[in-house]
PDB file of all heavy atoms in Angstrom:
ATOM      1  N   TYR A   1       0.834  -1.214   0.026  1.00  0.00           N
ATOM      2  CA  TYR A   1      -0.020  -0.008   0.007  1.00  0.00           C
ATOM      3  C   TYR A   1       0.898   1.260   0.006  1.00  0.00           C
ATOM      4  O   TYR A   1       1.961   1.301   0.591  1.00  0.00           O
ATOM      5  CB  TYR A   1      -0.865   0.044   1.246  1.00  0.00           C
ATOM      6  CG  TYR A   1      -1.958  -1.028   1.267  1.00  0.00           C
ATOM      7  CD1 TYR A   1      -1.698  -2.248   1.912  1.00  0.00           C
ATOM      8  CD2 TYR A   1      -3.168  -0.838   0.668  1.00  0.00           C
ATOM      9  CE1 TYR A   1      -2.674  -3.247   1.955  1.00  0.00           C
ATOM     10  CE2 TYR A   1      -4.179  -1.798   0.673  1.00  0.00           C
ATOM     11  CZ  TYR A   1      -3.928  -3.031   1.342  1.00  0.00           C
ATOM     12  OH  TYR A   1      -4.864  -3.986   1.344  1.00  0.00           O
ATOM     13  N   LEU A   2       0.310   2.317  -0.626  1.00  0.00           N
ATOM     14  CA  LEU A   2       0.891   3.608  -0.502  1.00  0.00           C
ATOM     15  C   LEU A   2       0.797   4.050   0.989  1.00  0.00           C
ATOM     16  O   LEU A   2      -0.224   3.770   1.616  1.00  0.00           O
ATOM     17  CB  LEU A   2       0.058   4.597  -1.354  1.00  0.00           C
ATOM     18  CG  LEU A   2       0.438   6.043  -1.469  1.00  0.00           C
ATOM     19  CD1 LEU A   2       1.805   6.198  -2.196  1.00  0.00           C
ATOM     20  CD2 LEU A   2      -0.616   6.836  -2.172  1.00  0.00           C
ATOM     21  N   ASP A   3       1.863   4.660   1.505  1.00  0.00           N
ATOM     22  CA  ASP A   3       1.881   4.967   2.922  1.00  0.00           C
ATOM     23  C   ASP A   3       0.653   5.732   3.389  1.00  0.00           C
ATOM     24  O   ASP A   3       0.075   5.518   4.444  1.00  0.00           O
ATOM     25  CB  ASP A   3       3.160   5.722   3.271  1.00  0.00           C
ATOM     26  CG  ASP A   3       4.380   4.854   3.352  1.00  0.00           C
ATOM     27  OD1 ASP A   3       4.202   3.614   3.402  1.00  0.00           O
ATOM     28  OD2 ASP A   3       5.495   5.365   3.383  1.00  0.00           O
ATOM     29  N   SER A   4       0.212   6.682   2.553  1.00  0.00           N
ATOM     30  CA  SER A   4      -0.868   7.577   2.986  1.00  0.00           C
ATOM     31  C   SER A   4      -2.240   6.885   3.026  1.00  0.00           C
ATOM     32  O   SER A   4      -3.192   7.478   3.555  1.00  0.00           O
ATOM     33  CB  SER A   4      -0.934   8.795   2.026  1.00  0.00           C
ATOM     34  OG  SER A   4      -1.239   8.346   0.699  1.00  0.00           O
ATOM     35  N   VAL A   5      -2.334   5.667   2.549  1.00  0.00           N
ATOM     36  CA  VAL A   5      -3.634   4.975   2.546  1.00  0.00           C
ATOM     37  C   VAL A   5      -3.600   3.779   3.487  1.00  0.00           C
ATOM     38  O   VAL A   5      -4.630   3.125   3.683  1.00  0.00           O
ATOM     39  CB  VAL A   5      -4.092   4.532   1.146  1.00  0.00           C
ATOM     40  CG1 VAL A   5      -4.076   5.713   0.167  1.00  0.00           C
ATOM     41  CG2 VAL A   5      -3.319   3.350   0.623  1.00  0.00           C
ATOM     42  N   LYS A   6      -2.425   3.443   4.031  1.00  0.00           N
ATOM     43  CA  LYS A   6      -2.369   2.327   4.930  1.00  0.00           C
ATOM     44  C   LYS A   6      -3.294   2.445   6.115  1.00  0.00           C
ATOM     45  O   LYS A   6      -3.412   3.531   6.699  1.00  0.00           O
ATOM     46  CB  LYS A   6      -0.925   2.167   5.444  1.00  0.00           C
ATOM     47  CG  LYS A   6       0.035   1.598   4.428  1.00  0.00           C
ATOM     48  CD  LYS A   6       1.441   1.454   4.996  1.00  0.00           C
ATOM     49  CE  LYS A   6       2.421   0.942   3.946  1.00  0.00           C
ATOM     50  NZ  LYS A   6       3.813   0.891   4.478  1.00  0.00           N
ATOM     51  N   GLY A   7      -4.036   1.395   6.445  1.00  0.00           N
ATOM     52  CA  GLY A   7      -4.993   1.410   7.486  1.00  0.00           C
ATOM     53  C   GLY A   7      -6.363   1.929   7.102  1.00  0.00           C
ATOM     54  O   GLY A   7      -7.288   1.804   7.886  1.00  0.00           O
ATOM     55  N   ARG A   8      -6.460   2.518   5.877  1.00  0.00           N
ATOM     56  CA  ARG A   8      -7.738   3.021   5.432  1.00  0.00           C
ATOM     57  C   ARG A   8      -8.265   2.263   4.208  1.00  0.00           C
ATOM     58  O   ARG A   8      -9.474   2.130   4.061  1.00  0.00           O
ATOM     59  CB  ARG A   8      -7.611   4.537   5.096  1.00  0.00           C
ATOM     60  CG  ARG A   8      -7.189   5.403   6.267  1.00  0.00           C
ATOM     61  CD  ARG A   8      -7.241   6.878   5.884  1.00  0.00           C
ATOM     62  NE  ARG A   8      -6.354   7.261   4.794  1.00  0.00           N
ATOM     63  CZ  ARG A   8      -6.734   7.783   3.647  1.00  0.00           C
ATOM     64  NH1 ARG A   8      -8.052   8.000   3.398  1.00  0.00           N
ATOM     65  NH2 ARG A   8      -5.852   8.085   2.713  1.00  0.00           N
ATOM     66  N   PHE A   9      -7.410   1.848   3.364  1.00  0.00           N
ATOM     67  CA  PHE A   9      -7.753   1.148   2.148  1.00  0.00           C
ATOM     68  C   PHE A   9      -7.385  -0.311   2.239  1.00  0.00           C
ATOM     69  O   PHE A   9      -6.382  -0.684   2.828  1.00  0.00           O
ATOM     70  CB  PHE A   9      -7.017   1.742   0.912  1.00  0.00           C
ATOM     71  CG  PHE A   9      -7.420   3.125   0.485  1.00  0.00           C
ATOM     72  CD1 PHE A   9      -8.231   3.932   1.289  1.00  0.00           C
ATOM     73  CD2 PHE A   9      -6.959   3.674  -0.710  1.00  0.00           C
ATOM     74  CE1 PHE A   9      -8.603   5.185   0.903  1.00  0.00           C
ATOM     75  CE2 PHE A   9      -7.346   4.929  -1.119  1.00  0.00           C
ATOM     76  CZ  PHE A   9      -8.142   5.686  -0.285  1.00  0.00           C
ATOM     77  N   THR A  10      -8.205  -1.161   1.584  1.00  0.00           N
ATOM     78  CA  THR A  10      -7.959  -2.593   1.557  1.00  0.00           C
ATOM     79  C   THR A  10      -8.166  -3.123   0.108  1.00  0.00           C
ATOM     80  O   THR A  10      -9.257  -2.917  -0.445  1.00  0.00           O
ATOM     81  CB  THR A  10      -8.866  -3.385   2.523  1.00  0.00           C
ATOM     82  OG1 THR A  10      -8.661  -2.860   3.857  1.00  0.00           O
ATOM     83  CG2 THR A  10      -8.515  -4.867   2.474  1.00  0.00           C
ATOM     84  N   ILE A  11      -7.170  -3.767  -0.417  1.00  0.00           N
ATOM     85  CA  ILE A  11      -7.258  -4.391  -1.772  1.00  0.00           C
ATOM     86  C   ILE A  11      -7.535  -5.866  -1.581  1.00  0.00           C
ATOM     87  O   ILE A  11      -7.022  -6.492  -0.664  1.00  0.00           O
ATOM     88  CB  ILE A  11      -6.007  -4.148  -2.587  1.00  0.00           C
ATOM     89  CG1 ILE A  11      -6.226  -4.567  -4.022  1.00  0.00           C
ATOM     90  CG2 ILE A  11      -4.771  -4.775  -1.969  1.00  0.00           C
ATOM     91  CD1 ILE A  11      -5.121  -4.117  -4.974  1.00  0.00           C
ATOM     92  N   SER A  12      -8.378  -6.363  -2.458  1.00  0.00           N
ATOM     93  CA  SER A  12      -8.679  -7.841  -2.432  1.00  0.00           C
ATOM     94  C   SER A  12      -8.995  -8.297  -3.877  1.00  0.00           C
ATOM     95  O   SER A  12      -9.187  -7.455  -4.724  1.00  0.00           O
ATOM     96  CB  SER A  12      -9.848  -8.178  -1.495  1.00  0.00           C
ATOM     97  OG  SER A  12     -11.016  -7.485  -1.939  1.00  0.00           O
ATOM     98  N   ARG A  13      -8.977  -9.593  -4.062  1.00  0.00           N
ATOM     99  CA  ARG A  13      -9.191 -10.109  -5.417  1.00  0.00           C
ATOM    100  C   ARG A  13     -10.040 -11.358  -5.365  1.00  0.00           C
ATOM    101  O   ARG A  13     -10.056 -12.070  -4.336  1.00  0.00           O
ATOM    102  CB  ARG A  13      -7.835 -10.414  -6.067  1.00  0.00           C
ATOM    103  CG  ARG A  13      -7.036 -11.465  -5.363  1.00  0.00           C
ATOM    104  CD  ARG A  13      -5.584 -11.524  -5.929  1.00  0.00           C
ATOM    105  NE  ARG A  13      -5.536 -12.172  -7.241  1.00  0.00           N
ATOM    106  CZ  ARG A  13      -4.430 -12.217  -7.992  1.00  0.00           C
ATOM    107  NH1 ARG A  13      -3.322 -11.591  -7.567  1.00  0.00           N
ATOM    108  NH2 ARG A  13      -4.466 -12.814  -9.170  1.00  0.00           N
ATOM    109  N   ASP A  14     -10.776 -11.575  -6.445  1.00  0.00           N
ATOM    110  CA  ASP A  14     -11.555 -12.786  -6.648  1.00  0.00           C
ATOM    111  C   ASP A  14     -11.115 -13.373  -7.954  1.00  0.00           C
ATOM    112  O   ASP A  14     -11.471 -12.907  -9.059  1.00  0.00           O
ATOM    113  CB  ASP A  14     -13.070 -12.469  -6.683  1.00  0.00           C
ATOM    114  CG  ASP A  14     -13.918 -13.668  -6.774  1.00  0.00           C
ATOM    115  OD1 ASP A  14     -13.508 -14.688  -7.377  1.00  0.00           O
ATOM    116  OD2 ASP A  14     -15.053 -13.638  -6.255  1.00  0.00           O
ATOM    117  N   ASN A  15     -10.275 -14.390  -7.892  1.00  0.00           N
ATOM    118  CA  ASN A  15      -9.702 -14.953  -9.071  1.00  0.00           C
ATOM    119  C   ASN A  15     -10.712 -15.661 -10.007  1.00  0.00           C
ATOM    120  O   ASN A  15     -10.585 -15.659 -11.228  1.00  0.00           O
ATOM    121  CB  ASN A  15      -8.607 -15.983  -8.716  1.00  0.00           C
ATOM    122  CG  ASN A  15      -7.387 -15.287  -8.114  1.00  0.00           C
ATOM    123  OD1 ASN A  15      -7.064 -14.145  -8.412  1.00  0.00           O
ATOM    124  ND2 ASN A  15      -6.744 -15.992  -7.200  1.00  0.00           N
ATOM    125  N   VAL A  16     -11.765 -16.183  -9.379  1.00  0.00           N
ATOM    126  CA  VAL A  16     -12.808 -16.832 -10.183  1.00  0.00           C
ATOM    127  C   VAL A  16     -13.563 -15.815 -11.038  1.00  0.00           C
ATOM    128  O   VAL A  16     -13.888 -16.047 -12.201  1.00  0.00           O
ATOM    129  CB  VAL A  16     -13.816 -17.579  -9.257  1.00  0.00           C
ATOM    130  CG1 VAL A  16     -14.986 -18.129 -10.038  1.00  0.00           C
ATOM    131  CG2 VAL A  16     -13.084 -18.698  -8.487  1.00  0.00           C
ATOM    132  N   LYS A  17     -13.799 -14.648 -10.465  1.00  0.00           N
ATOM    133  CA  LYS A  17     -14.487 -13.600 -11.178  1.00  0.00           C
ATOM    134  C   LYS A  17     -13.556 -12.655 -11.968  1.00  0.00           C
ATOM    135  O   LYS A  17     -14.028 -11.681 -12.574  1.00  0.00           O
ATOM    136  CB  LYS A  17     -15.351 -12.772 -10.208  1.00  0.00           C
ATOM    137  CG  LYS A  17     -16.467 -13.572  -9.498  1.00  0.00           C
ATOM    138  CD  LYS A  17     -17.237 -12.630  -8.588  1.00  0.00           C
ATOM    139  CE  LYS A  17     -18.382 -13.410  -7.921  1.00  0.00           C
ATOM    140  NZ  LYS A  17     -19.166 -12.577  -7.000  1.00  0.00           N
ATOM    141  N   ASN A  18     -12.259 -12.879 -11.856  1.00  0.00           N
ATOM    142  CA  ASN A  18     -11.283 -11.998 -12.494  1.00  0.00           C
ATOM    143  C   ASN A  18     -11.535 -10.570 -12.084  1.00  0.00           C
ATOM    144  O   ASN A  18     -11.512  -9.606 -12.943  1.00  0.00           O
ATOM    145  CB  ASN A  18     -11.305 -12.086 -14.022  1.00  0.00           C
ATOM    146  CG  ASN A  18     -10.801 -13.412 -14.532  1.00  0.00           C
ATOM    147  OD1 ASN A  18      -9.939 -13.991 -13.887  1.00  0.00           O
ATOM    148  ND2 ASN A  18     -11.298 -13.845 -15.667  1.00  0.00           N
ATOM    149  N   THR A  19     -11.695 -10.348 -10.782  1.00  0.00           N
ATOM    150  CA  THR A  19     -12.063  -9.046 -10.254  1.00  0.00           C
ATOM    151  C   THR A  19     -11.122  -8.654  -9.119  1.00  0.00           C
ATOM    152  O   THR A  19     -10.722  -9.481  -8.300  1.00  0.00           O
ATOM    153  CB  THR A  19     -13.499  -9.055  -9.745  1.00  0.00           C
ATOM    154  OG1 THR A  19     -14.385  -9.328 -10.830  1.00  0.00           O
ATOM    155  CG2 THR A  19     -13.888  -7.719  -9.142  1.00  0.00           C
ATOM    156  N   VAL A  20     -10.796  -7.371  -9.089  1.00  0.00           N
ATOM    157  CA  VAL A  20     -10.029  -6.807  -7.974  1.00  0.00           C
ATOM    158  C   VAL A  20     -10.902  -5.673  -7.361  1.00  0.00           C
ATOM    159  O   VAL A  20     -11.592  -4.987  -8.063  1.00  0.00           O
ATOM    160  CB  VAL A  20      -8.657  -6.285  -8.424  1.00  0.00           C
ATOM    161  CG1 VAL A  20      -8.799  -5.154  -9.393  1.00  0.00           C
ATOM    162  CG2 VAL A  20      -7.836  -5.890  -7.230  1.00  0.00           C
ATOM    163  N   TYR A  21     -10.788  -5.564  -6.053  1.00  0.00           N
ATOM    164  CA  TYR A  21     -11.607  -4.573  -5.316  1.00  0.00           C
ATOM    165  C   TYR A  21     -10.674  -3.629  -4.561  1.00  0.00           C
ATOM    166  O   TYR A  21      -9.531  -3.996  -4.190  1.00  0.00           O
ATOM    167  CB  TYR A  21     -12.519  -5.260  -4.316  1.00  0.00           C
ATOM    168  CG  TYR A  21     -13.433  -6.288  -4.903  1.00  0.00           C
ATOM    169  CD1 TYR A  21     -13.103  -7.637  -4.884  1.00  0.00           C
ATOM    170  CD2 TYR A  21     -14.670  -5.918  -5.516  1.00  0.00           C
ATOM    171  CE1 TYR A  21     -13.964  -8.602  -5.394  1.00  0.00           C
ATOM    172  CE2 TYR A  21     -15.485  -6.877  -6.039  1.00  0.00           C
ATOM    173  CZ  TYR A  21     -15.164  -8.224  -5.993  1.00  0.00           C
ATOM    174  OH  TYR A  21     -15.983  -9.140  -6.519  1.00  0.00           O
ATOM    175  N   LEU A  22     -11.169  -2.474  -4.295  1.00  0.00           N
ATOM    176  CA  LEU A  22     -10.461  -1.505  -3.408  1.00  0.00           C
ATOM    177  C   LEU A  22     -11.526  -0.924  -2.459  1.00  0.00           C
ATOM    178  O   LEU A  22     -12.331  -0.091  -2.895  1.00  0.00           O
ATOM    179  CB  LEU A  22      -9.751  -0.406  -4.161  1.00  0.00           C
ATOM    180  CG  LEU A  22      -8.891   0.504  -3.324  1.00  0.00           C
ATOM    181  CD1 LEU A  22      -7.685  -0.277  -2.746  1.00  0.00           C
ATOM    182  CD2 LEU A  22      -8.396   1.690  -4.105  1.00  0.00           C
ATOM    183  N   GLN A  23     -11.473  -1.340  -1.221  1.00  0.00           N
ATOM    184  CA  GLN A  23     -12.334  -0.792  -0.203  1.00  0.00           C
ATOM    185  C   GLN A  23     -11.641   0.434   0.358  1.00  0.00           C
ATOM    186  O   GLN A  23     -10.522   0.305   0.922  1.00  0.00           O
ATOM    187  CB  GLN A  23     -12.659  -1.805   0.908  1.00  0.00           C
ATOM    188  CG  GLN A  23     -13.483  -1.274   2.018  1.00  0.00           C
ATOM    189  CD  GLN A  23     -14.902  -0.946   1.584  1.00  0.00           C
ATOM    190  OE1 GLN A  23     -15.533  -1.717   0.840  1.00  0.00           O
ATOM    191  NE2 GLN A  23     -15.406   0.208   2.019  1.00  0.00           N
ATOM    192  N   MET A  24     -12.283   1.561   0.297  1.00  0.00           N
ATOM    193  CA  MET A  24     -11.673   2.852   0.743  1.00  0.00           C
ATOM    194  C   MET A  24     -12.544   3.436   1.886  1.00  0.00           C
ATOM    195  O   MET A  24     -13.690   3.735   1.668  1.00  0.00           O
ATOM    196  CB  MET A  24     -11.614   3.811  -0.419  1.00  0.00           C
ATOM    197  CG  MET A  24     -10.846   3.284  -1.622  1.00  0.00           C
ATOM    198  SD  MET A  24     -10.643   4.545  -2.916  1.00  0.00           S
ATOM    199  CE  MET A  24     -12.329   4.795  -3.426  1.00  0.00           C
ATOM    200  N   ASN A  25     -11.947   3.476   3.068  1.00  0.00           N
ATOM    201  CA  ASN A  25     -12.620   4.028   4.249  1.00  0.00           C
ATOM    202  C   ASN A  25     -11.949   5.262   4.722  1.00  0.00           C
ATOM    203  O   ASN A  25     -10.812   5.567   4.315  1.00  0.00           O
ATOM    204  CB  ASN A  25     -12.609   2.972   5.375  1.00  0.00           C
ATOM    205  CG  ASN A  25     -13.353   1.695   5.004  1.00  0.00           C
ATOM    206  OD1 ASN A  25     -14.317   1.716   4.236  1.00  0.00           O
ATOM    207  ND2 ASN A  25     -12.923   0.590   5.516  1.00  0.00           N
ATOM    208  N   SER A  26     -12.638   6.005   5.565  1.00  0.00           N
ATOM    209  CA  SER A  26     -12.063   7.253   6.127  1.00  0.00           C
ATOM    210  C   SER A  26     -11.451   8.162   5.019  1.00  0.00           C
ATOM    211  O   SER A  26     -10.337   8.610   5.153  1.00  0.00           O
ATOM    212  CB  SER A  26     -11.000   6.922   7.187  1.00  0.00           C
ATOM    213  OG  SER A  26     -11.576   6.139   8.186  1.00  0.00           O
ATOM    214  N   LEU A  27     -12.196   8.338   3.963  1.00  0.00           N
ATOM    215  CA  LEU A  27     -11.726   9.091   2.813  1.00  0.00           C
ATOM    216  C   LEU A  27     -11.419  10.534   3.163  1.00  0.00           C
ATOM    217  O   LEU A  27     -12.097  11.109   3.967  1.00  0.00           O
ATOM    218  CB  LEU A  27     -12.682   8.993   1.642  1.00  0.00           C
ATOM    219  CG  LEU A  27     -12.620   7.664   0.921  1.00  0.00           C
ATOM    220  CD1 LEU A  27     -13.914   7.453   0.088  1.00  0.00           C
ATOM    221  CD2 LEU A  27     -11.391   7.588  -0.028  1.00  0.00           C
ATOM    222  N   LYS A  28     -10.375  11.052   2.495  1.00  0.00           N
ATOM    223  CA  LYS A  28      -9.920  12.458   2.736  1.00  0.00           C
ATOM    224  C   LYS A  28     -10.000  13.200   1.421  1.00  0.00           C
ATOM    225  O   LYS A  28      -9.841  12.582   0.365  1.00  0.00           O
ATOM    226  CB  LYS A  28      -8.462  12.426   3.255  1.00  0.00           C
ATOM    227  CG  LYS A  28      -8.301  11.633   4.557  1.00  0.00           C
ATOM    228  CD  LYS A  28      -6.826  11.629   4.943  1.00  0.00           C
ATOM    229  CE  LYS A  28      -6.598  10.813   6.226  1.00  0.00           C
ATOM    230  NZ  LYS A  28      -5.165  10.829   6.618  1.00  0.00           N
ATOM    231  N   PRO A  29     -10.082  14.508   1.456  1.00  0.00           N
ATOM    232  CA  PRO A  29     -10.113  15.285   0.209  1.00  0.00           C
ATOM    233  C   PRO A  29      -8.861  15.007  -0.650  1.00  0.00           C
ATOM    234  O   PRO A  29      -8.986  15.023  -1.907  1.00  0.00           O
ATOM    235  CB  PRO A  29     -10.112  16.710   0.715  1.00  0.00           C
ATOM    236  CG  PRO A  29     -10.839  16.637   2.001  1.00  0.00           C
ATOM    237  CD  PRO A  29     -10.367  15.328   2.620  1.00  0.00           C
ATOM    238  N   GLU A  30      -7.761  14.731  -0.052  1.00  0.00           N
ATOM    239  CA  GLU A  30      -6.509  14.435  -0.812  1.00  0.00           C
ATOM    240  C   GLU A  30      -6.553  13.097  -1.522  1.00  0.00           C
ATOM    241  O   GLU A  30      -5.679  12.791  -2.297  1.00  0.00           O
ATOM    242  CB  GLU A  30      -5.254  14.545   0.055  1.00  0.00           C
ATOM    243  CG  GLU A  30      -5.372  13.743   1.342  1.00  0.00           C
ATOM    244  CD  GLU A  30      -5.776  14.591   2.517  1.00  0.00           C
ATOM    245  OE1 GLU A  30      -6.718  15.383   2.377  1.00  0.00           O
ATOM    246  OE2 GLU A  30      -5.156  14.425   3.604  1.00  0.00           O
ATOM    247  N   ASP A  31      -7.572  12.273  -1.274  1.00  0.00           N
ATOM    248  CA  ASP A  31      -7.784  11.059  -2.018  1.00  0.00           C
ATOM    249  C   ASP A  31      -8.472  11.286  -3.385  1.00  0.00           C
ATOM    250  O   ASP A  31      -8.629  10.358  -4.175  1.00  0.00           O
ATOM    251  CB  ASP A  31      -8.584  10.034  -1.210  1.00  0.00           C
ATOM    252  CG  ASP A  31      -7.901   9.587   0.073  1.00  0.00           C
ATOM    253  OD1 ASP A  31      -6.679   9.328  -0.033  1.00  0.00           O
ATOM    254  OD2 ASP A  31      -8.575   9.438   1.093  1.00  0.00           O
ATOM    255  N   THR A  32      -8.936  12.497  -3.613  1.00  0.00           N
ATOM    256  CA  THR A  32      -9.599  12.809  -4.864  1.00  0.00           C
ATOM    257  C   THR A  32      -8.693  12.603  -6.026  1.00  0.00           C
ATOM    258  O   THR A  32      -7.574  13.123  -6.070  1.00  0.00           O
ATOM    259  CB  THR A  32     -10.088  14.295  -4.807  1.00  0.00           C
ATOM    260  OG1 THR A  32     -11.092  14.448  -3.809  1.00  0.00           O
ATOM    261  CG2 THR A  32     -10.676  14.680  -6.179  1.00  0.00           C
ATOM    262  N   ALA A  33      -9.124  11.815  -6.980  1.00  0.00           N
ATOM    263  CA  ALA A  33      -8.333  11.468  -8.143  1.00  0.00           C
ATOM    264  C   ALA A  33      -9.131  10.558  -9.097  1.00  0.00           C
ATOM    265  O   ALA A  33     -10.220  10.114  -8.722  1.00  0.00           O
ATOM    266  CB  ALA A  33      -7.061  10.726  -7.720  1.00  0.00           C
ATOM    267  N   VAL A  34      -8.590  10.316 -10.246  1.00  0.00           N
ATOM    268  CA  VAL A  34      -9.089   9.287 -11.081  1.00  0.00           C
ATOM    269  C   VAL A  34      -8.338   7.987 -10.724  1.00  0.00           C
ATOM    270  O   VAL A  34      -7.094   7.987 -10.692  1.00  0.00           O
ATOM    271  CB  VAL A  34      -8.916   9.603 -12.580  1.00  0.00           C
ATOM    272  CG1 VAL A  34      -9.430   8.393 -13.451  1.00  0.00           C
ATOM    273  CG2 VAL A  34      -9.614  10.864 -12.972  1.00  0.00           C
ATOM    274  N   TYR A  35      -9.073   6.937 -10.459  1.00  0.00           N
ATOM    275  CA  TYR A  35      -8.483   5.681 -10.040  1.00  0.00           C
ATOM    276  C   TYR A  35      -8.541   4.686 -11.196  1.00  0.00           C
ATOM    277  O   TYR A  35      -9.551   4.495 -11.842  1.00  0.00           O
ATOM    278  CB  TYR A  35      -9.268   5.122  -8.820  1.00  0.00           C
ATOM    279  CG  TYR A  35      -8.912   5.787  -7.541  1.00  0.00           C
ATOM    280  CD1 TYR A  35      -9.382   7.122  -7.299  1.00  0.00           C
ATOM    281  CD2 TYR A  35      -8.185   5.184  -6.566  1.00  0.00           C
ATOM    282  CE1 TYR A  35      -9.043   7.790  -6.161  1.00  0.00           C
ATOM    283  CE2 TYR A  35      -7.839   5.810  -5.355  1.00  0.00           C
ATOM    284  CZ  TYR A  35      -8.290   7.131  -5.171  1.00  0.00           C
ATOM    285  OH  TYR A  35      -7.964   7.812  -4.031  1.00  0.00           O
ATOM    286  N   TYR A  36      -7.421   4.047 -11.434  1.00  0.00           N
ATOM    287  CA  TYR A  36      -7.235   3.092 -12.525  1.00  0.00           C
ATOM    288  C   TYR A  36      -6.870   1.722 -12.008  1.00  0.00           C
ATOM    289  O   TYR A  36      -5.991   1.625 -11.124  1.00  0.00           O
ATOM    290  CB  TYR A  36      -6.145   3.538 -13.491  1.00  0.00           C
ATOM    291  CG  TYR A  36      -6.370   4.848 -14.137  1.00  0.00           C
ATOM    292  CD1 TYR A  36      -5.896   6.038 -13.540  1.00  0.00           C
ATOM    293  CD2 TYR A  36      -6.991   4.972 -15.383  1.00  0.00           C
ATOM    294  CE1 TYR A  36      -6.093   7.273 -14.145  1.00  0.00           C
ATOM    295  CE2 TYR A  36      -7.178   6.186 -16.000  1.00  0.00           C
ATOM    296  CZ  TYR A  36      -6.733   7.323 -15.365  1.00  0.00           C
ATOM    297  OH  TYR A  36      -6.910   8.557 -15.980  1.00  0.00           O
ATOM    298  N   CYS A  37      -7.469   0.675 -12.528  1.00  0.00           N
ATOM    299  CA  CYS A  37      -7.035  -0.671 -12.184  1.00  0.00           C
ATOM    300  C   CYS A  37      -6.032  -1.133 -13.228  1.00  0.00           C
ATOM    301  O   CYS A  37      -6.013  -0.682 -14.376  1.00  0.00           O
ATOM    302  CB  CYS A  37      -8.175  -1.656 -12.007  1.00  0.00           C
ATOM    303  SG  CYS A  37      -9.154  -1.902 -13.532  1.00  0.00           S
ATOM    304  N   ASN A  38      -5.204  -2.067 -12.779  1.00  0.00           N
ATOM    305  CA  ASN A  38      -4.118  -2.550 -13.682  1.00  0.00           C
ATOM    306  C   ASN A  38      -3.920  -4.057 -13.368  1.00  0.00           C
ATOM    307  O   ASN A  38      -3.825  -4.423 -12.233  1.00  0.00           O
ATOM    308  CB  ASN A  38      -2.849  -1.765 -13.365  1.00  0.00           C
ATOM    309  CG  ASN A  38      -1.632  -2.298 -14.051  1.00  0.00           C
ATOM    310  OD1 ASN A  38      -0.938  -3.199 -13.536  1.00  0.00           O
ATOM    311  ND2 ASN A  38      -1.325  -1.765 -15.231  1.00  0.00           N
ATOM    312  N   PHE A  39      -3.877  -4.839 -14.447  1.00  0.00           N
ATOM    313  CA  PHE A  39      -3.597  -6.289 -14.337  1.00  0.00           C
ATOM    314  C   PHE A  39      -2.266  -6.502 -15.085  1.00  0.00           C
ATOM    315  O   PHE A  39      -2.144  -6.108 -16.228  1.00  0.00           O
ATOM    316  CB  PHE A  39      -4.641  -7.154 -14.978  1.00  0.00           C
ATOM    317  CG  PHE A  39      -5.917  -7.237 -14.190  1.00  0.00           C
ATOM    318  CD1 PHE A  39      -6.245  -6.368 -13.198  1.00  0.00           C
ATOM    319  CD2 PHE A  39      -6.845  -8.259 -14.559  1.00  0.00           C
ATOM    320  CE1 PHE A  39      -7.434  -6.512 -12.483  1.00  0.00           C
ATOM    321  CE2 PHE A  39      -8.040  -8.374 -13.841  1.00  0.00           C
ATOM    322  CZ  PHE A  39      -8.336  -7.485 -12.836  1.00  0.00           C
TER     323      PHE A  39
END
């Protein structure tokens, strides 16, 4: 994890569904951005 999101964001994957998730909690204004997934 990026240091600034440690403890707030959680990444997980479902290999059967070919899906990756990003749970983002305690969001801050500095988290504002376009988010891209990458395989």
